[in-house]
Amino acid sequence: MDWAWLVEFLKGMIKPTAALAVVMMAVFLSYIQKLGLEAEMAYSILRAFLQLSVIGFVLQFIFNQKNAVWIVMAYLFMVSVAGYTAGQRAKHVPRGKYVAGVSILAGTSITMFMLVVLRVFPFTPRYIIPVAGMMVGNAMTVTGVTMKKLRDDIKIQMSLVETALALGATPRQATMQQVKRALVIALSPVLDNAKTVGLISLPGAMTGLIMGGASPLEAIQLQIVVMNMLVGASTVSSIMSTYLCWPSFFTKAYQLETKVFSSD
């Protein structure tokens, strides 16, 4: 068996291991300040090391395959984890994990389909998986915030929503302001990031390309595409989540489902 790949991997881990020095500094400062975060810091870094190492080997395997099924499987795995995580944030929303998963799947798949059709990216693992990961990660955060904020706002303003329903408004009409507020709050960080990209800090994709030897102009071109797809995927996912939340917020008689809003 050829173990050359393992030798190369271990050699490449010398610099990441040396970078643990800054983590040790953080652990030392936490101990001095009596923050009690030493164990959590060590656990977090160890977990990150193991997760990234495993995913590195998995991606290496997928990149060497010619079958598109592996791309789809990797993508669906990311969506599943993201849906679970976003659903945990909005834990008081019924079927929250399902709503989040479907919303993230819709937003990212539509955006990815458009990028492939427009030939912005080729349908290969080396492009699709990293791009999908960035979109899924952003859509996860935005979707979780949207669902939680929408439910919380309706709970705070239940009397206003019930009054609107009593006057003949549909659930969508009665909660229009709460939906808008939830979407604006959830999407604001994505839009703010797009406004300040390159001015405050260099994004990860752009930094990686530059450090890998690409010219800054090539890196900028890719980063523009990345920002565009993040805005698109996040917007579709967040809007989709509001539509999927409504059935669980209201009864068939167009009344608020009080048990959804009774818990904190």
Protein backbone atom coordinates (compact mmCIF):
# COMPACT_ATOMS: atom_id res chain seq x y z
CA MET A 1 0.00 0.00 0.00
CA ASP A 2 1.29 3.45 -0.93
CA TRP A 3 1.51 5.66 2.15
CA ALA A 4 3.06 8.62 0.37
CA TRP A 5 -0.19 10.59 0.69
CA LEU A 6 -0.12 10.19 4.48
CA VAL A 7 3.50 11.33 4.67
CA GLU A 8 2.64 14.44 2.61
CA PHE A 9 -0.35 15.14 4.84
CA LEU A 10 1.72 14.90 8.01
CA LYS A 11 4.37 17.18 6.55
CA GLY A 12 1.68 19.70 5.65
CA MET A 13 0.36 19.67 9.24
CA ILE A 14 3.60 21.15 10.63
CA LYS A 15 2.46 24.74 10.09
CA PRO A 16 -1.09 24.21 11.44
CA THR A 17 0.45 22.59 14.50
CA ALA A 18 2.80 25.54 14.96
CA ALA A 19 -0.21 27.85 14.78
CA LEU A 20 -1.49 26.23 17.98
CA ALA A 21 0.83 28.64 19.77
CA VAL A 22 -1.75 31.42 19.45
CA VAL A 23 -4.41 29.10 20.89
CA MET A 24 -2.15 28.37 23.85
CA MET A 25 -1.84 32.11 24.33
CA ALA A 26 -5.64 32.39 24.41
CA VAL A 27 -5.87 29.51 26.90
CA PHE A 28 -3.25 31.14 29.10
CA LEU A 29 -5.08 34.48 29.07
CA SER A 30 -8.35 32.73 29.88
CA TYR A 31 -6.66 31.07 32.87
CA ILE A 32 -5.13 34.34 34.07
CA GLN A 33 -8.47 36.14 33.77
CA LYS A 34 -10.28 33.19 35.39
CA LEU A 35 -12.77 32.96 32.51
CA GLY A 36 -13.10 29.21 32.77
CA LEU A 37 -12.91 28.78 28.99
CA GLU A 38 -9.70 26.76 28.84
CA ALA A 39 -11.38 23.36 28.40
CA GLU A 40 -13.89 24.71 25.88
CA MET A 41 -11.12 26.34 23.84
CA ALA A 42 -9.13 23.12 23.77
CA TYR A 43 -12.21 21.09 22.87
CA SER A 44 -13.22 23.53 20.12
CA ILE A 45 -9.80 23.49 18.48
CA LEU A 46 -9.52 19.70 18.75
CA ARG A 47 -12.97 19.28 17.24
CA ALA A 48 -12.16 21.71 14.43
CA PHE A 49 -8.91 19.85 13.73
CA LEU A 50 -10.65 16.49 13.53
CA GLN A 51 -13.60 17.77 11.47
CA LEU A 52 -11.41 19.57 8.95
CA SER A 53 -9.05 16.62 8.65
CA VAL A 54 -11.91 14.21 7.98
CA ILE A 55 -13.62 16.53 5.50
CA GLY A 56 -10.28 17.04 3.76
CA PHE A 57 -9.94 13.31 3.11
CA VAL A 58 -13.60 13.06 2.08
CA LEU A 59 -13.25 15.93 -0.39
CA GLN A 60 -10.06 14.43 -1.77
CA PHE A 61 -11.96 11.21 -2.41
CA ILE A 62 -14.91 13.00 -4.04
CA PHE A 63 -12.64 15.14 -6.22
CA ASN A 64 -11.07 11.98 -7.60
CA GLN A 65 -14.47 10.55 -8.59
CA LYS A 66 -16.13 11.19 -11.95
CA ASN A 67 -19.67 10.46 -10.76
CA ALA A 68 -22.01 13.42 -10.16
CA VAL A 69 -23.83 11.37 -7.50
CA TRP A 70 -21.05 12.16 -5.04
CA ILE A 71 -21.58 15.89 -5.58
CA VAL A 72 -25.29 15.56 -4.87
CA MET A 73 -24.69 13.42 -1.79
CA ALA A 74 -22.19 15.90 -0.34
CA TYR A 75 -24.57 18.78 -1.05
CA LEU A 76 -27.54 17.04 0.57
CA PHE A 77 -25.44 16.22 3.62
CA MET A 78 -24.53 19.90 4.04
CA VAL A 79 -28.18 20.93 3.64
CA SER A 80 -29.29 18.35 6.21
CA VAL A 81 -26.81 19.55 8.83
CA ALA A 82 -27.67 23.18 8.08
CA GLY A 83 -31.39 22.51 8.33
CA TYR A 84 -30.95 20.81 11.68
CA THR A 85 -28.81 23.67 13.00
CA ALA A 86 -31.17 26.40 11.80
CA GLY A 87 -34.13 24.46 13.18
CA GLN A 88 -32.43 24.33 16.57
CA ARG A 89 -32.18 28.13 16.56
CA ALA A 90 -35.91 28.37 15.86
CA LYS A 91 -36.81 25.52 18.21
CA HIS A 92 -40.28 26.89 19.01
CA VAL A 93 -41.34 26.79 15.37
CA PRO A 94 -43.20 23.51 14.71
CA ARG A 95 -41.32 21.28 12.27
CA GLY A 96 -38.59 23.90 12.37
CA LYS A 97 -35.85 21.58 11.15
CA TYR A 98 -37.97 20.49 8.18
CA VAL A 99 -38.91 24.08 7.33
CA ALA A 100 -35.29 25.22 7.56
CA GLY A 101 -33.98 22.27 5.53
CA VAL A 102 -36.47 22.71 2.70
CA SER A 103 -35.92 26.48 2.64
CA ILE A 104 -32.14 26.12 2.49
CA LEU A 105 -32.45 23.44 -0.18
CA ALA A 106 -34.72 25.65 -2.30
CA GLY A 107 -32.58 28.78 -2.03
CA THR A 108 -29.23 27.14 -2.66
CA SER A 109 -30.36 24.72 -5.39
CA ILE A 110 -32.09 27.45 -7.40
CA THR A 111 -29.05 29.70 -7.13
CA MET A 112 -26.66 26.88 -8.00
CA PHE A 113 -28.77 25.84 -10.98
CA MET A 114 -28.68 29.38 -12.36
CA LEU A 115 -24.91 29.61 -11.94
CA VAL A 116 -24.34 26.32 -13.73
CA VAL A 117 -26.77 27.16 -16.56
CA LEU A 118 -25.09 30.54 -17.02
CA ARG A 119 -21.74 28.70 -17.06
CA VAL A 120 -20.37 30.73 -14.18
CA PHE A 121 -19.14 27.49 -12.61
CA PRO A 122 -18.65 24.07 -14.23
CA PHE A 123 -20.53 21.18 -12.64
CA THR A 124 -17.49 19.56 -11.08
CA PRO A 125 -16.78 18.71 -7.41
CA ARG A 126 -13.86 21.14 -7.21
CA TYR A 127 -16.20 24.07 -7.90
CA ILE A 128 -19.67 22.98 -6.81
CA ILE A 129 -18.89 21.65 -3.34
CA PRO A 130 -17.00 24.72 -2.01
CA VAL A 131 -19.54 27.08 -3.60
CA ALA A 132 -22.45 25.08 -2.21
CA GLY A 133 -20.83 25.10 1.23
CA MET A 134 -20.62 28.90 1.27
CA MET A 135 -24.22 29.28 0.15
CA VAL A 136 -25.58 26.69 2.56
CA GLY A 137 -23.71 28.25 5.49
CA ASN A 138 -25.09 31.72 4.83
CA ALA A 139 -28.60 30.45 4.08
CA MET A 140 -28.54 28.48 7.34
CA THR A 141 -27.83 31.59 9.42
CA VAL A 142 -30.35 33.79 7.61
CA THR A 143 -33.10 31.15 7.68
CA GLY A 144 -32.68 30.43 11.39
CA VAL A 145 -32.85 34.14 12.26
CA THR A 146 -35.89 34.69 10.02
CA MET A 147 -37.89 31.86 11.55
CA LYS A 148 -37.05 32.80 15.14
CA LYS A 149 -37.69 36.51 14.63
CA LEU A 150 -40.99 35.92 12.84
CA ARG A 151 -42.33 33.69 15.58
CA ASP A 152 -41.14 36.04 18.34
CA ASP A 153 -42.63 39.12 16.67
CA ILE A 154 -46.00 37.47 16.16
CA LYS A 155 -45.99 36.39 19.80
CA ILE A 156 -45.26 39.94 20.98
CA GLN A 157 -47.96 41.41 18.72
CA MET A 158 -50.58 38.66 19.01
CA SER A 159 -53.34 41.14 19.79
CA LEU A 160 -52.65 43.13 16.62
CA VAL A 161 -52.57 39.98 14.48
CA GLU A 162 -55.77 38.63 16.03
CA THR A 163 -57.52 41.97 15.46
CA ALA A 164 -56.52 41.92 11.80
CA LEU A 165 -57.77 38.36 11.44
CA ALA A 166 -61.07 39.30 13.10
CA LEU A 167 -61.50 42.09 10.54
CA GLY A 168 -61.18 39.62 7.69
CA ALA A 169 -57.46 39.69 6.91
CA THR A 170 -55.76 36.55 5.68
CA PRO A 171 -52.83 35.17 7.72
CA ARG A 172 -50.40 36.67 5.22
CA GLN A 173 -52.05 40.09 5.40
CA ALA A 174 -52.27 39.98 9.20
CA THR A 175 -48.56 39.21 9.61
CA MET A 176 -47.14 41.22 6.71
CA GLN A 177 -45.30 43.69 8.97
CA GLN A 178 -43.81 40.93 11.12
CA VAL A 179 -42.63 39.07 8.01
CA LYS A 180 -41.00 42.17 6.58
CA ARG A 181 -39.26 42.94 9.87
CA ALA A 182 -37.95 39.38 10.21
CA LEU A 183 -36.62 39.36 6.65
CA VAL A 184 -34.98 42.77 6.94
CA ILE A 185 -33.23 41.85 10.20
CA ALA A 186 -32.07 38.48 8.85
CA LEU A 187 -30.80 39.79 5.51
CA SER A 188 -29.19 42.99 6.81
CA PRO A 189 -25.86 41.34 7.79
CA VAL A 190 -25.55 39.77 4.32
CA LEU A 191 -26.22 43.11 2.62
CA ASP A 192 -23.91 44.99 5.00
CA ASN A 193 -21.17 42.49 4.24
CA ALA A 194 -21.67 43.06 0.51
CA LYS A 195 -21.45 46.83 1.01
CA THR A 196 -18.18 46.68 2.92
CA VAL A 197 -16.47 43.71 1.25
CA GLY A 198 -12.84 44.51 0.54
CA LEU A 199 -12.93 47.74 2.57
CA ILE A 200 -12.77 46.33 6.09
CA SER A 201 -11.40 42.84 5.49
CA LEU A 202 -10.66 40.53 2.58
CA PRO A 203 -13.20 37.67 2.27
CA GLY A 204 -12.10 34.08 2.69
CA ALA A 205 -12.46 33.04 -0.95
CA MET A 206 -10.48 36.03 -2.16
CA THR A 207 -7.79 35.58 0.49
CA GLY A 208 -7.42 31.89 -0.34
CA LEU A 209 -6.93 32.58 -4.02
CA ILE A 210 -4.36 35.30 -3.41
CA MET A 211 -2.42 33.13 -0.95
CA GLY A 212 -2.62 30.29 -3.48
CA GLY A 213 -0.86 32.40 -6.09
CA ALA A 214 -3.75 33.82 -8.10
CA SER A 215 -3.65 37.45 -9.16
CA PRO A 216 -5.74 39.92 -7.12
CA LEU A 217 -7.81 40.70 -10.23
CA GLU A 218 -8.77 37.03 -10.66
CA ALA A 219 -9.57 36.80 -6.96
CA ILE A 220 -11.81 39.88 -7.16
CA GLN A 221 -13.76 38.40 -10.07
CA LEU A 222 -14.50 35.24 -8.11
CA GLN A 223 -15.39 37.18 -4.97
CA ILE A 224 -17.95 39.25 -6.88
CA VAL A 225 -19.61 36.03 -8.02
CA VAL A 226 -19.54 34.72 -4.44
CA MET A 227 -21.20 37.83 -3.02
CA ASN A 228 -23.89 37.71 -5.72
CA MET A 229 -24.73 34.07 -5.04
CA LEU A 230 -24.79 34.57 -1.26
CA VAL A 231 -27.32 37.41 -1.56
CA GLY A 232 -29.46 35.38 -3.96
CA ALA A 233 -29.45 32.13 -2.00
CA SER A 234 -30.01 33.84 1.36
CA THR A 235 -32.95 35.88 0.06
CA VAL A 236 -34.73 32.91 -1.52
CA SER A 237 -34.19 30.72 1.55
CA SER A 238 -35.39 33.31 4.05
CA ILE A 239 -38.54 34.17 2.06
CA MET A 240 -39.29 30.48 1.54
CA SER A 241 -39.05 29.86 5.29
CA THR A 242 -41.75 32.48 6.02
CA TYR A 243 -44.16 30.76 3.64
CA LEU A 244 -43.47 27.35 5.18
CA CYS A 245 -43.89 28.70 8.73
CA TRP A 246 -47.41 30.07 8.19
CA PRO A 247 -49.30 26.74 8.20
CA SER A 248 -47.98 25.96 11.68
CA PHE A 249 -48.74 29.44 13.03
CA PHE A 250 -52.43 29.39 12.11
CA THR A 251 -55.34 26.98 12.31
CA LYS A 252 -57.47 26.04 9.31
CA ALA A 253 -60.00 28.58 10.57
CA TYR A 254 -57.44 31.38 10.16
CA GLN A 255 -56.84 31.73 13.89
CA LEU A 256 -53.50 31.89 15.67
CA GLU A 257 -52.26 28.53 16.91
CA THR A 258 -51.86 29.67 20.52
CA LYS A 259 -49.85 26.63 21.64
CA VAL A 260 -47.07 27.68 19.26
CA PHE A 261 -46.74 31.03 21.03
CA SER A 262 -47.35 29.90 24.62
CA SER A 263 -43.78 28.67 25.26
CA ASP A 264 -40.70 30.88 25.67
